[in-house]
């Protein structure tokens, strides 16, 4: 028994936010002091590190769950299955549904339940629940779905990763330029060809020192009587944590699969930071005394930004739909998925097409 992806879908928001749109923002540091550098200099340094040129924001009339439902419908149609046959809907996110210009999270009912409702699925045996695991949430949902399939509990699962980070960012924090919105989904089904599908996976959570690397805090610009909190992070600590730990999780998954590193055709890594992702993969290849292939790491971050749980499923869908230049996935290709997020969670999956 194995688990195979039979359909993928994504929703790329239509609103484009370019780096030049941040030129007139008023950025402050952690000490509530404006930066000495000009916004032009801040943006130039930002691009050199992250690779992000523009990002996408969800349209005001839509919410996270609605974007997730759109991506899900595409995946269901591609898989050619009856939605009533879906055994589990697993929705990975971190902040729920947030209305435009509101900032208040809404997770009642769960986003998975909302998608089941929007898909008009009547079957009560279709179990819908959410996964809160930081940026690696979609991959963790895949790991959970695979486990249920292996246990004989499920045959068809819908796994969604969607986020609207643009609605939880501090406009006075230069890190706000990293974040974006998006939605990706796939159908994972029980298969019979053991040479295909999910071959192995690994997951870890580091919480002893790392639990607060990502947190909710007040704006860097002090405004009296305003207590709204936004997503914040200790970027340098997260960067170092990722470089030191993600390659090991990738190795654990690859070694468990039994495949040699030369068989890996693509590494679909969470689109967090171009320089960081490249450094992670170089360290991964260094473990095996191998050189990182030039075309191993597809990137979407330049145009889509960091949409958290949505980056990996969106990237996968773009490649499979031949919408990402110079990258494709063919039958027989082995793919390594990897992600890091919430300042502490890491996972990886080896998948054979």
C-alpha atoms as a PDB file:
ATOM      1  CA  UNK A   1       0.000   0.000   0.000  1.00  0.00           C
ATOM      2  CA  UNK A   2       1.209   3.523  -0.742  1.00  0.00           C
ATOM      3  CA  UNK A   3      -0.123   7.065  -1.092  1.00  0.00           C
ATOM      4  CA  UNK A   4      -0.142   8.863  -4.431  1.00  0.00           C
ATOM      5  CA  UNK A   5      -0.999  12.409  -5.482  1.00  0.00           C
ATOM      6  CA  UNK A   6      -3.758  12.243  -8.085  1.00  0.00           C
ATOM      7  CA  UNK A   7      -4.674  15.913  -8.382  1.00  0.00           C
ATOM      8  CA  UNK A   8      -3.316  19.340  -7.474  1.00  0.00           C
ATOM      9  CA  UNK A   9      -4.737  22.848  -7.474  1.00  0.00           C
ATOM     10  CA  UNK A  10      -3.768  26.340  -6.396  1.00  0.00           C
ATOM     11  CA  UNK A  11      -5.127  29.840  -6.113  1.00  0.00           C
ATOM     12  CA  UNK A  12      -2.758  32.716  -6.843  1.00  0.00           C
ATOM     13  CA  UNK A  13      -4.291  35.987  -5.569  1.00  0.00           C
ATOM     14  CA  UNK A  14      -4.733  38.698  -8.158  1.00  0.00           C
ATOM     15  CA  UNK A  15      -3.412  41.685  -6.190  1.00  0.00           C
ATOM     16  CA  UNK A  16       0.282  42.286  -6.903  1.00  0.00           C
ATOM     17  CA  UNK A  17       2.284  44.176  -4.272  1.00  0.00           C
ATOM     18  CA  UNK A  18       5.629  45.289  -5.716  1.00  0.00           C
ATOM     19  CA  UNK A  19       8.711  46.296  -3.749  1.00  0.00           C
ATOM     20  CA  UNK A  20       8.306  49.831  -5.032  1.00  0.00           C
ATOM     21  CA  UNK A  21       4.963  49.980  -3.201  1.00  0.00           C
ATOM     22  CA  UNK A  22       6.922  50.021   0.083  1.00  0.00           C
ATOM     23  CA  UNK A  23       8.981  53.112  -0.750  1.00  0.00           C
ATOM     24  CA  UNK A  24       6.641  55.415   1.165  1.00  0.00           C
ATOM     25  CA  UNK A  25       6.155  53.179   4.217  1.00  0.00           C
ATOM     26  CA  UNK A  26       7.514  54.280   7.597  1.00  0.00           C
ATOM     27  CA  UNK A  27       9.648  51.423   8.929  1.00  0.00           C
ATOM     28  CA  UNK A  28      10.734  51.251  12.561  1.00  0.00           C
ATOM     29  CA  UNK A  29      13.146  49.014  14.471  1.00  0.00           C
ATOM     30  CA  UNK A  30      12.464  47.041  17.620  1.00  0.00           C
ATOM     31  CA  UNK A  31      13.314  50.076  19.772  1.00  0.00           C
ATOM     32  CA  UNK A  32      10.535  52.111  18.115  1.00  0.00           C
ATOM     33  CA  UNK A  33      13.121  54.170  16.253  1.00  0.00           C
ATOM     34  CA  UNK A  34      12.954  54.894  12.508  1.00  0.00           C
ATOM     35  CA  UNK A  35      15.829  53.454  10.487  1.00  0.00           C
ATOM     36  CA  UNK A  36      18.678  55.710   9.416  1.00  0.00           C
ATOM     37  CA  UNK A  37      18.743  53.987   6.021  1.00  0.00           C
ATOM     38  CA  UNK A  38      16.330  55.097   3.313  1.00  0.00           C
ATOM     39  CA  UNK A  39      13.536  52.782   2.209  1.00  0.00           C
ATOM     40  CA  UNK A  40      15.309  52.434  -1.127  1.00  0.00           C
ATOM     41  CA  UNK A  41      18.390  51.062   0.645  1.00  0.00           C
ATOM     42  CA  UNK A  42      16.275  48.797   2.881  1.00  0.00           C
ATOM     43  CA  UNK A  43      14.479  47.350  -0.144  1.00  0.00           C
ATOM     44  CA  UNK A  44      17.698  46.783  -2.101  1.00  0.00           C
ATOM     45  CA  UNK A  45      19.200  44.836   0.815  1.00  0.00           C
ATOM     46  CA  UNK A  46      15.919  42.953   1.249  1.00  0.00           C
ATOM     47  CA  UNK A  47      15.926  41.791  -2.390  1.00  0.00           C
ATOM     48  CA  UNK A  48      19.573  40.715  -2.200  1.00  0.00           C
ATOM     49  CA  UNK A  49      18.791  38.437   0.762  1.00  0.00           C
ATOM     50  CA  UNK A  50      15.291  37.108   0.032  1.00  0.00           C
ATOM     51  CA  UNK A  51      15.049  37.316  -3.757  1.00  0.00           C
ATOM     52  CA  UNK A  52      11.506  38.702  -3.436  1.00  0.00           C
ATOM     53  CA  UNK A  53      10.591  41.249  -6.108  1.00  0.00           C
ATOM     54  CA  UNK A  54       6.832  41.191  -5.598  1.00  0.00           C
ATOM     55  CA  UNK A  55       4.184  39.250  -3.721  1.00  0.00           C
ATOM     56  CA  UNK A  56       0.465  38.483  -3.947  1.00  0.00           C
ATOM     57  CA  UNK A  57      -2.290  39.658  -1.587  1.00  0.00           C
ATOM     58  CA  UNK A  58      -5.738  38.078  -1.434  1.00  0.00           C
ATOM     59  CA  UNK A  59      -8.602  40.134  -2.807  1.00  0.00           C
ATOM     60  CA  UNK A  60     -10.571  42.022  -0.076  1.00  0.00           C
ATOM     61  CA  UNK A  61     -13.783  40.110  -0.745  1.00  0.00           C
ATOM     62  CA  UNK A  62     -12.154  36.700  -0.191  1.00  0.00           C
ATOM     63  CA  UNK A  63     -10.998  34.896   2.931  1.00  0.00           C
ATOM     64  CA  UNK A  64      -8.472  32.135   3.527  1.00  0.00           C
ATOM     65  CA  UNK A  65     -11.015  29.289   3.480  1.00  0.00           C
ATOM     66  CA  UNK A  66     -12.555  30.536   0.238  1.00  0.00           C
ATOM     67  CA  UNK A  67      -9.166  30.588  -1.496  1.00  0.00           C
ATOM     68  CA  UNK A  68      -8.555  27.092  -0.105  1.00  0.00           C
ATOM     69  CA  UNK A  69     -11.880  25.918  -1.496  1.00  0.00           C
ATOM     70  CA  UNK A  70     -11.018  27.230  -4.973  1.00  0.00           C
ATOM     71  CA  UNK A  71      -7.700  25.356  -4.964  1.00  0.00           C
ATOM     72  CA  UNK A  72      -9.476  22.239  -3.647  1.00  0.00           C
ATOM     73  CA  UNK A  73     -12.057  22.217  -6.440  1.00  0.00           C
ATOM     74  CA  UNK A  74      -9.279  22.291  -9.032  1.00  0.00           C
ATOM     75  CA  UNK A  75      -7.459  19.400  -7.325  1.00  0.00           C
ATOM     76  CA  UNK A  76     -10.680  17.339  -7.064  1.00  0.00           C
ATOM     77  CA  UNK A  77     -11.486  17.891 -10.727  1.00  0.00           C
ATOM     78  CA  UNK A  78      -7.976  16.887 -11.779  1.00  0.00           C
ATOM     79  CA  UNK A  79      -8.132  13.736  -9.630  1.00  0.00           C
ATOM     80  CA  UNK A  80     -11.497  12.878 -11.234  1.00  0.00           C
ATOM     81  CA  UNK A  81     -13.045  11.791  -7.927  1.00  0.00           C
ATOM     82  CA  UNK A  82     -16.456  12.282  -6.374  1.00  0.00           C
ATOM     83  CA  UNK A  83     -16.065  14.734  -3.457  1.00  0.00           C
ATOM     84  CA  UNK A  84     -18.392  12.519  -1.416  1.00  0.00           C
ATOM     85  CA  UNK A  85     -15.671   9.840  -1.475  1.00  0.00           C
ATOM     86  CA  UNK A  86     -13.162  12.022   0.387  1.00  0.00           C
ATOM     87  CA  UNK A  87     -12.418  10.500   3.786  1.00  0.00           C
ATOM     88  CA  UNK A  88     -10.470  13.394   5.302  1.00  0.00           C
ATOM     89  CA  UNK A  89     -10.071  17.109   4.679  1.00  0.00           C
ATOM     90  CA  UNK A  90      -6.910  18.395   6.339  1.00  0.00           C
ATOM     91  CA  UNK A  91      -6.467  22.170   6.283  1.00  0.00           C
ATOM     92  CA  UNK A  92      -3.049  23.602   7.175  1.00  0.00           C
ATOM     93  CA  UNK A  93      -2.988  27.269   8.176  1.00  0.00           C
ATOM     94  CA  UNK A  94      -1.904  29.411  11.124  1.00  0.00           C
ATOM     95  CA  UNK A  95      -4.230  32.381  11.480  1.00  0.00           C
ATOM     96  CA  UNK A  96      -7.643  31.216  10.290  1.00  0.00           C
ATOM     97  CA  UNK A  97      -9.990  33.421   8.320  1.00  0.00           C
ATOM     98  CA  UNK A  98      -9.258  37.127   8.694  1.00  0.00           C
ATOM     99  CA  UNK A  99     -11.453  39.720   7.064  1.00  0.00           C
ATOM    100  CA  UNK A 100      -9.780  42.500   5.131  1.00  0.00           C
ATOM    101  CA  UNK A 101      -8.732  45.395   7.401  1.00  0.00           C
ATOM    102  CA  UNK A 102      -9.830  43.466  10.501  1.00  0.00           C
ATOM    103  CA  UNK A 103      -6.810  41.525  11.916  1.00  0.00           C
ATOM    104  CA  UNK A 104      -9.051  39.324  14.102  1.00  0.00           C
ATOM    105  CA  UNK A 105      -8.603  35.597  13.552  1.00  0.00           C
ATOM    106  CA  UNK A 106     -11.708  33.465  13.036  1.00  0.00           C
ATOM    107  CA  UNK A 107     -11.364  29.682  13.341  1.00  0.00           C
ATOM    108  CA  UNK A 108     -14.893  28.811  14.435  1.00  0.00           C
ATOM    109  CA  UNK A 109     -15.799  26.556  12.764  1.00  0.00           C
ATOM    110  CA  UNK A 110     -12.507  25.103  11.537  1.00  0.00           C
ATOM    111  CA  UNK A 111     -11.356  26.096   8.069  1.00  0.00           C
ATOM    112  CA  UNK A 112     -11.530  22.447   6.974  1.00  0.00           C
ATOM    113  CA  UNK A 113     -15.193  22.413   8.000  1.00  0.00           C
ATOM    114  CA  UNK A 114     -15.779  25.594   6.021  1.00  0.00           C
ATOM    115  CA  UNK A 115     -14.208  24.054   2.925  1.00  0.00           C
ATOM    116  CA  UNK A 116     -16.318  20.918   3.316  1.00  0.00           C
ATOM    117  CA  UNK A 117     -19.358  23.190   3.482  1.00  0.00           C
ATOM    118  CA  UNK A 118     -18.269  25.208   0.437  1.00  0.00           C
ATOM    119  CA  UNK A 119     -17.672  21.983  -1.513  1.00  0.00           C
ATOM    120  CA  UNK A 120     -21.232  20.909  -0.509  1.00  0.00           C
ATOM    121  CA  UNK A 121     -20.054  17.507   0.755  1.00  0.00           C
ATOM    122  CA  UNK A 122     -22.852  15.746   2.642  1.00  0.00           C
ATOM    123  CA  UNK A 123     -21.017  12.580   3.720  1.00  0.00           C
ATOM    124  CA  UNK A 124     -20.651  12.727   7.558  1.00  0.00           C
ATOM    125  CA  UNK A 125     -17.790  10.215   7.357  1.00  0.00           C
ATOM    126  CA  UNK A 126     -15.681  12.855   5.619  1.00  0.00           C
ATOM    127  CA  UNK A 127     -13.730  14.122   8.632  1.00  0.00           C
ATOM    128  CA  UNK A 128     -12.596  17.765   8.454  1.00  0.00           C
ATOM    129  CA  UNK A 129      -9.949  19.250  10.732  1.00  0.00           C
ATOM    130  CA  UNK A 130      -7.158  21.823  10.824  1.00  0.00           C
ATOM    131  CA  UNK A 131      -3.413  21.533  11.309  1.00  0.00           C
ATOM    132  CA  UNK A 132      -1.512  24.382  12.989  1.00  0.00           C
ATOM    133  CA  UNK A 133       2.176  23.633  12.430  1.00  0.00           C
ATOM    134  CA  UNK A 134       3.694  26.807  11.020  1.00  0.00           C
ATOM    135  CA  UNK A 135       4.941  26.931   7.450  1.00  0.00           C
ATOM    136  CA  UNK A 136       5.493  23.118   7.288  1.00  0.00           C
ATOM    137  CA  UNK A 137       1.766  22.584   7.944  1.00  0.00           C
ATOM    138  CA  UNK A 138       0.848  21.341   4.464  1.00  0.00           C
ATOM    139  CA  UNK A 139       3.647  18.780   4.476  1.00  0.00           C
ATOM    140  CA  UNK A 140       2.589  17.708   7.969  1.00  0.00           C
ATOM    141  CA  UNK A 141      -0.951  17.281   6.665  1.00  0.00           C
ATOM    142  CA  UNK A 142       0.469  15.070   3.914  1.00  0.00           C
ATOM    143  CA  UNK A 143       2.330  12.998   6.511  1.00  0.00           C
ATOM    144  CA  UNK A 144      -0.859  12.595   8.543  1.00  0.00           C
ATOM    145  CA  UNK A 145      -2.910  11.651   5.493  1.00  0.00           C
ATOM    146  CA  UNK A 146      -0.302   9.097   4.443  1.00  0.00           C
ATOM    147  CA  UNK A 147      -0.380   7.592   7.937  1.00  0.00           C
ATOM    148  CA  UNK A 148      -4.165   7.216   7.821  1.00  0.00           C
ATOM    149  CA  UNK A 149      -3.956   5.631   4.375  1.00  0.00           C
ATOM    150  CA  UNK A 150      -1.230   3.238   5.542  1.00  0.00           C
ATOM    151  CA  UNK A 151      -3.388   2.302   8.548  1.00  0.00           C
ATOM    152  CA  UNK A 152      -6.361   1.530   6.296  1.00  0.00           C
ATOM    153  CA  UNK A 153      -8.453   4.293   7.883  1.00  0.00           C
ATOM    154  CA  UNK A 154      -8.667   6.437   4.729  1.00  0.00           C
ATOM    155  CA  UNK A 155      -8.447   5.970   0.970  1.00  0.00           C
ATOM    156  CA  UNK A 156      -8.847   9.531  -0.324  1.00  0.00           C
ATOM    157  CA  UNK A 157      -7.683  12.687   1.452  1.00  0.00           C
ATOM    158  CA  UNK A 158      -7.786  16.372   0.542  1.00  0.00           C
ATOM    159  CA  UNK A 159      -4.855  18.328   1.981  1.00  0.00           C
ATOM    160  CA  UNK A 160      -4.918  22.124   1.799  1.00  0.00           C
ATOM    161  CA  UNK A 161      -2.315  24.747   2.654  1.00  0.00           C
ATOM    162  CA  UNK A 162      -3.500  28.358   2.580  1.00  0.00           C
ATOM    163  CA  UNK A 163      -2.676  31.587   4.348  1.00  0.00           C
ATOM    164  CA  UNK A 164      -3.391  35.340   4.317  1.00  0.00           C
ATOM    165  CA  UNK A 165      -0.292  36.736   5.984  1.00  0.00           C
ATOM    166  CA  UNK A 166      -0.933  40.179   4.488  1.00  0.00           C
ATOM    167  CA  UNK A 167      -3.682  40.570   7.072  1.00  0.00           C
ATOM    168  CA  UNK A 168      -1.488  39.963  10.135  1.00  0.00           C
ATOM    169  CA  UNK A 169       1.568  42.076   9.278  1.00  0.00           C
ATOM    170  CA  UNK A 170       2.812  45.253  10.940  1.00  0.00           C
ATOM    171  CA  UNK A 171       3.138  47.911   8.198  1.00  0.00           C
ATOM    172  CA  UNK A 172       5.940  49.540  10.214  1.00  0.00           C
ATOM    173  CA  UNK A 173       8.030  46.329  10.318  1.00  0.00           C
ATOM    174  CA  UNK A 174      10.382  45.866   7.357  1.00  0.00           C
ATOM    175  CA  UNK A 175       9.867  42.086   7.689  1.00  0.00           C
ATOM    176  CA  UNK A 176       6.319  42.708   6.428  1.00  0.00           C
ATOM    177  CA  UNK A 177       7.769  42.723   2.903  1.00  0.00           C
ATOM    178  CA  UNK A 178       8.443  38.984   3.176  1.00  0.00           C
ATOM    179  CA  UNK A 179       4.867  37.876   3.664  1.00  0.00           C
ATOM    180  CA  UNK A 180       2.247  37.007   1.063  1.00  0.00           C
ATOM    181  CA  UNK A 181      -1.028  35.138   0.516  1.00  0.00           C
ATOM    182  CA  UNK A 182      -1.951  32.035  -1.458  1.00  0.00           C
ATOM    183  CA  UNK A 183      -3.584  28.607  -1.437  1.00  0.00           C
ATOM    184  CA  UNK A 184      -2.574  25.149  -2.645  1.00  0.00           C
ATOM    185  CA  UNK A 185      -4.236  21.739  -2.383  1.00  0.00           C
ATOM    186  CA  UNK A 186      -3.895  18.134  -3.478  1.00  0.00           C
ATOM    187  CA  UNK A 187      -5.723  14.825  -3.418  1.00  0.00           C
ATOM    188  CA  UNK A 188      -3.757  11.964  -1.859  1.00  0.00           C
ATOM    189  CA  UNK A 189      -5.119   8.485  -2.579  1.00  0.00           C
ATOM    190  CA  UNK A 190      -4.375   4.894  -1.738  1.00  0.00           C
ATOM    191  CA  UNK A 191      -2.293   3.339  -4.507  1.00  0.00           C
ATOM    192  CA  UNK A 192      -1.121  -0.139  -5.450  1.00  0.00           C
ATOM    193  CA  UNK A 193       2.174   0.508  -7.251  1.00  0.00           C
ATOM    194  CA  UNK A 194       4.787   0.475  -4.480  1.00  0.00           C
ATOM    195  CA  UNK A 195       7.364   2.111  -6.764  1.00  0.00           C
ATOM    196  CA  UNK A 196       5.378   5.368  -6.725  1.00  0.00           C
ATOM    197  CA  UNK A 197       4.005   7.780  -4.156  1.00  0.00           C
ATOM    198  CA  UNK A 198       5.262   8.751  -0.715  1.00  0.00           C
ATOM    199  CA  UNK A 199       8.340   6.662   0.057  1.00  0.00           C
ATOM    200  CA  UNK A 200       9.348   8.181   3.399  1.00  0.00           C
ATOM    201  CA  UNK A 201       9.084  11.204   5.638  1.00  0.00           C
ATOM    202  CA  UNK A 202      10.593  12.865   8.688  1.00  0.00           C
ATOM    203  CA  UNK A 203       9.336  15.541  11.092  1.00  0.00           C
ATOM    204  CA  UNK A 204      10.708  17.341  14.136  1.00  0.00           C
ATOM    205  CA  UNK A 205       9.673  20.046  16.622  1.00  0.00           C
ATOM    206  CA  UNK A 206      12.246  22.055  18.570  1.00  0.00           C
ATOM    207  CA  UNK A 207      10.667  23.914  21.491  1.00  0.00           C
ATOM    208  CA  UNK A 208      13.240  24.012  24.317  1.00  0.00           C
ATOM    209  CA  UNK A 209      14.891  27.244  23.155  1.00  0.00           C
ATOM    210  CA  UNK A 210      13.061  27.907  19.900  1.00  0.00           C
ATOM    211  CA  UNK A 211       9.387  28.175  20.929  1.00  0.00           C
ATOM    212  CA  UNK A 212       9.309  31.986  20.717  1.00  0.00           C
ATOM    213  CA  UNK A 213      11.363  32.626  17.613  1.00  0.00           C
ATOM    214  CA  UNK A 214       8.063  33.515  15.919  1.00  0.00           C
ATOM    215  CA  UNK A 215       5.469  35.368  17.977  1.00  0.00           C
ATOM    216  CA  UNK A 216       2.659  37.920  18.038  1.00  0.00           C
ATOM    217  CA  UNK A 217       3.684  41.405  19.191  1.00  0.00           C
ATOM    218  CA  UNK A 218       2.729  45.066  19.058  1.00  0.00           C
ATOM    219  CA  UNK A 219       3.663  47.350  16.196  1.00  0.00           C
ATOM    220  CA  UNK A 220       7.240  48.635  16.096  1.00  0.00           C
ATOM    221  CA  UNK A 221       5.694  52.110  15.925  1.00  0.00           C
ATOM    222  CA  UNK A 222       4.171  52.962  19.305  1.00  0.00           C
ATOM    223  CA  UNK A 223       0.664  54.340  18.902  1.00  0.00           C
ATOM    224  CA  UNK A 224      -1.083  55.267  22.193  1.00  0.00           C
ATOM    225  CA  UNK A 225      -4.150  53.178  23.066  1.00  0.00           C
ATOM    226  CA  UNK A 226      -3.595  50.877  20.081  1.00  0.00           C
ATOM    227  CA  UNK A 227      -2.888  47.315  21.222  1.00  0.00           C
ATOM    228  CA  UNK A 228      -3.234  45.426  17.929  1.00  0.00           C
ATOM    229  CA  UNK A 229      -0.664  42.648  17.656  1.00  0.00           C
ATOM    230  CA  UNK A 230       1.063  41.395  14.519  1.00  0.00           C
ATOM    231  CA  UNK A 231       3.282  38.517  13.395  1.00  0.00           C
ATOM    232  CA  UNK A 232       6.882  39.066  14.492  1.00  0.00           C
ATOM    233  CA  UNK A 233      10.056  37.012  14.213  1.00  0.00           C
ATOM    234  CA  UNK A 234      13.669  36.818  15.281  1.00  0.00           C
ATOM    235  CA  UNK A 235      14.904  36.469  11.725  1.00  0.00           C
ATOM    236  CA  UNK A 236      18.570  35.813  12.432  1.00  0.00           C
ATOM    237  CA  UNK A 237      17.801  33.071  14.954  1.00  0.00           C
ATOM    238  CA  UNK A 238      15.341  31.391  12.570  1.00  0.00           C
ATOM    239  CA  UNK A 239      17.897  31.586   9.744  1.00  0.00           C
ATOM    240  CA  UNK A 240      20.591  29.903  11.847  1.00  0.00           C
ATOM    241  CA  UNK A 241      18.148  27.319  13.191  1.00  0.00           C
ATOM    242  CA  UNK A 242      17.039  26.369   9.681  1.00  0.00           C
ATOM    243  CA  UNK A 243      20.598  26.012   8.354  1.00  0.00           C
ATOM    244  CA  UNK A 244      21.624  23.833  11.280  1.00  0.00           C
ATOM    245  CA  UNK A 245      18.604  21.519  11.350  1.00  0.00           C
ATOM    246  CA  UNK A 246      16.693  21.276   8.062  1.00  0.00           C
ATOM    247  CA  UNK A 247      19.461  19.422   6.151  1.00  0.00           C
ATOM    248  CA  UNK A 248      19.443  16.705   8.829  1.00  0.00           C
ATOM    249  CA  UNK A 249      15.690  16.159   8.495  1.00  0.00           C
ATOM    250  CA  UNK A 250      16.053  15.980   4.717  1.00  0.00           C
ATOM    251  CA  UNK A 251      18.810  13.382   5.166  1.00  0.00           C
ATOM    252  CA  UNK A 252      16.635  11.342   7.557  1.00  0.00           C
ATOM    253  CA  UNK A 253      13.821  11.198   4.994  1.00  0.00           C
ATOM    254  CA  UNK A 254      16.138  10.392   2.081  1.00  0.00           C
ATOM    255  CA  UNK A 255      18.006   7.664   3.950  1.00  0.00           C
ATOM    256  CA  UNK A 256      14.729   6.068   4.995  1.00  0.00           C
ATOM    257  CA  UNK A 257      13.548   6.025   1.363  1.00  0.00           C
ATOM    258  CA  UNK A 258      16.548   3.939   0.276  1.00  0.00           C
ATOM    259  CA  UNK A 259      17.213   6.215  -2.698  1.00  0.00           C
ATOM    260  CA  UNK A 260      20.680   7.610  -3.416  1.00  0.00           C
ATOM    261  CA  UNK A 261      20.934  11.402  -3.518  1.00  0.00           C
ATOM    262  CA  UNK A 262      21.643  11.250  -7.274  1.00  0.00           C
ATOM    263  CA  UNK A 263      18.054  10.063  -7.847  1.00  0.00           C
ATOM    264  CA  UNK A 264      16.542  13.301  -6.510  1.00  0.00           C
ATOM    265  CA  UNK A 265      15.435  15.390  -9.497  1.00  0.00           C
ATOM    266  CA  UNK A 266      13.892  18.344  -7.671  1.00  0.00           C
ATOM    267  CA  UNK A 267      13.827  19.705  -4.137  1.00  0.00           C
ATOM    268  CA  UNK A 268      10.655  21.636  -3.408  1.00  0.00           C
ATOM    269  CA  UNK A 269      11.549  23.598  -0.301  1.00  0.00           C
ATOM    270  CA  UNK A 270       9.413  26.128   1.566  1.00  0.00           C
ATOM    271  CA  UNK A 271       9.816  29.471  -0.179  1.00  0.00           C
ATOM    272  CA  UNK A 272      10.960  31.480   2.841  1.00  0.00           C
ATOM    273  CA  UNK A 273      14.126  33.211   1.707  1.00  0.00           C
ATOM    274  CA  UNK A 274      16.099  32.517  -1.464  1.00  0.00           C
ATOM    275  CA  UNK A 275      19.537  32.778   0.157  1.00  0.00           C
ATOM    276  CA  UNK A 276      18.478  30.621   3.099  1.00  0.00           C
ATOM    277  CA  UNK A 277      16.923  27.939   0.899  1.00  0.00           C
ATOM    278  CA  UNK A 278      20.026  27.765  -1.270  1.00  0.00           C
ATOM    279  CA  UNK A 279      22.265  27.515   1.806  1.00  0.00           C
ATOM    280  CA  UNK A 280      20.098  24.725   3.271  1.00  0.00           C
ATOM    281  CA  UNK A 281      20.263  22.645   0.105  1.00  0.00           C
ATOM    282  CA  UNK A 282      24.017  23.188  -0.270  1.00  0.00           C
ATOM    283  CA  UNK A 283      24.506  21.925   3.282  1.00  0.00           C
ATOM    284  CA  UNK A 284      22.265  18.956   2.522  1.00  0.00           C
ATOM    285  CA  UNK A 285      24.427  17.951  -0.459  1.00  0.00           C
ATOM    286  CA  UNK A 286      27.575  18.550   1.570  1.00  0.00           C
ATOM    287  CA  UNK A 287      26.446  15.830   3.998  1.00  0.00           C
ATOM    288  CA  UNK A 288      26.754  13.356   1.100  1.00  0.00           C
ATOM    289  CA  UNK A 289      29.954  14.969  -0.231  1.00  0.00           C
ATOM    290  CA  UNK A 290      28.025  15.890  -3.356  1.00  0.00           C
ATOM    291  CA  UNK A 291      27.651  19.125  -5.312  1.00  0.00           C
ATOM    292  CA  UNK A 292      24.271  20.822  -5.479  1.00  0.00           C
ATOM    293  CA  UNK A 293      22.895  20.547  -9.064  1.00  0.00           C
ATOM    294  CA  UNK A 294      22.102  23.907 -10.652  1.00  0.00           C
ATOM    295  CA  UNK A 295      18.472  23.123 -11.519  1.00  0.00           C
ATOM    296  CA  UNK A 296      17.526  21.241  -8.350  1.00  0.00           C
ATOM    297  CA  UNK A 297      15.684  24.089  -6.562  1.00  0.00           C
ATOM    298  CA  UNK A 298      12.609  25.591  -8.277  1.00  0.00           C
ATOM    299  CA  UNK A 299      11.724  29.054  -6.993  1.00  0.00           C
ATOM    300  CA  UNK A 300       8.467  30.981  -6.943  1.00  0.00           C
ATOM    301  CA  UNK A 301       9.372  33.393  -4.148  1.00  0.00           C
ATOM    302  CA  UNK A 302      10.546  36.126  -6.532  1.00  0.00           C
ATOM    303  CA  UNK A 303       6.995  36.750  -7.765  1.00  0.00           C
ATOM    304  CA  UNK A 304       4.811  35.183  -5.048  1.00  0.00           C
ATOM    305  CA  UNK A 305       6.654  35.969  -1.809  1.00  0.00           C
ATOM    306  CA  UNK A 306       6.387  33.822   1.317  1.00  0.00           C
ATOM    307  CA  UNK A 307       2.816  32.545   1.696  1.00  0.00           C
ATOM    308  CA  UNK A 308       3.709  30.161   4.538  1.00  0.00           C
ATOM    309  CA  UNK A 309       1.886  26.805   4.257  1.00  0.00           C
ATOM    310  CA  UNK A 310       0.864  27.619   0.677  1.00  0.00           C
ATOM    311  CA  UNK A 311       4.356  27.889  -0.819  1.00  0.00           C
ATOM    312  CA  UNK A 312       5.102  24.181  -1.332  1.00  0.00           C
ATOM    313  CA  UNK A 313       1.695  22.996  -2.667  1.00  0.00           C
ATOM    314  CA  UNK A 314       1.497  26.083  -4.893  1.00  0.00           C
ATOM    315  CA  UNK A 315       5.002  25.464  -6.216  1.00  0.00           C
ATOM    316  CA  UNK A 316       4.148  21.818  -6.916  1.00  0.00           C
ATOM    317  CA  UNK A 317       0.989  22.759  -8.793  1.00  0.00           C
ATOM    318  CA  UNK A 318       2.776  25.389 -10.886  1.00  0.00           C
ATOM    319  CA  UNK A 319       5.435  22.887 -11.954  1.00  0.00           C
ATOM    320  CA  UNK A 320       2.963  20.098 -12.739  1.00  0.00           C
ATOM    321  CA  UNK A 321       0.852  22.554 -14.765  1.00  0.00           C
ATOM    322  CA  UNK A 322       4.034  23.677 -16.599  1.00  0.00           C
ATOM    323  CA  UNK A 323       3.637  27.247 -15.368  1.00  0.00           C
ATOM    324  CA  UNK A 324       7.146  27.559 -13.906  1.00  0.00           C
ATOM    325  CA  UNK A 325       9.791  28.195 -16.534  1.00  0.00           C
ATOM    326  CA  UNK A 326      12.691  25.730 -16.856  1.00  0.00           C
ATOM    327  CA  UNK A 327      11.240  23.217 -14.394  1.00  0.00           C
ATOM    328  CA  UNK A 328       9.164  20.075 -14.894  1.00  0.00           C
ATOM    329  CA  UNK A 329       8.373  16.806 -13.139  1.00  0.00           C
ATOM    330  CA  UNK A 330       8.114  13.587 -15.142  1.00  0.00           C
ATOM    331  CA  UNK A 331       7.200   9.972 -14.457  1.00  0.00           C
ATOM    332  CA  UNK A 332      10.034   8.282 -12.611  1.00  0.00           C
ATOM    333  CA  UNK A 333      11.307  11.474 -10.996  1.00  0.00           C
ATOM    334  CA  UNK A 334      12.006  11.399  -7.267  1.00  0.00           C
ATOM    335  CA  UNK A 335      11.128  14.626  -5.445  1.00  0.00           C
ATOM    336  CA  UNK A 336      12.232  15.779  -2.024  1.00  0.00           C
ATOM    337  CA  UNK A 337       9.855  18.130  -0.215  1.00  0.00           C
ATOM    338  CA  UNK A 338      11.165  20.084   2.785  1.00  0.00           C
ATOM    339  CA  UNK A 339       9.921  22.860   5.034  1.00  0.00           C
ATOM    340  CA  UNK A 340      10.725  24.800   8.163  1.00  0.00           C
ATOM    341  CA  UNK A 341       8.558  27.223  10.091  1.00  0.00           C
ATOM    342  CA  UNK A 342       7.053  28.642  13.247  1.00  0.00           C
ATOM    343  CA  UNK A 343      10.672  29.040  14.282  1.00  0.00           C
ATOM    344  CA  UNK A 344      10.773  25.419  15.449  1.00  0.00           C
ATOM    345  CA  UNK A 345       9.080  22.866  13.155  1.00  0.00           C
ATOM    346  CA  UNK A 346      10.774  20.925  10.361  1.00  0.00           C
ATOM    347  CA  UNK A 347       9.661  18.150   8.011  1.00  0.00           C
ATOM    348  CA  UNK A 348      10.555  16.436   4.751  1.00  0.00           C
ATOM    349  CA  UNK A 349       8.970  13.919   2.366  1.00  0.00           C
ATOM    350  CA  UNK A 350      10.478  11.803  -0.404  1.00  0.00           C
ATOM    351  CA  UNK A 351       7.999  11.244  -3.241  1.00  0.00           C
ATOM    352  CA  UNK A 352       8.405   9.088  -6.366  1.00  0.00           C
ATOM    353  CA  UNK A 353       6.442  10.008  -9.509  1.00  0.00           C
END
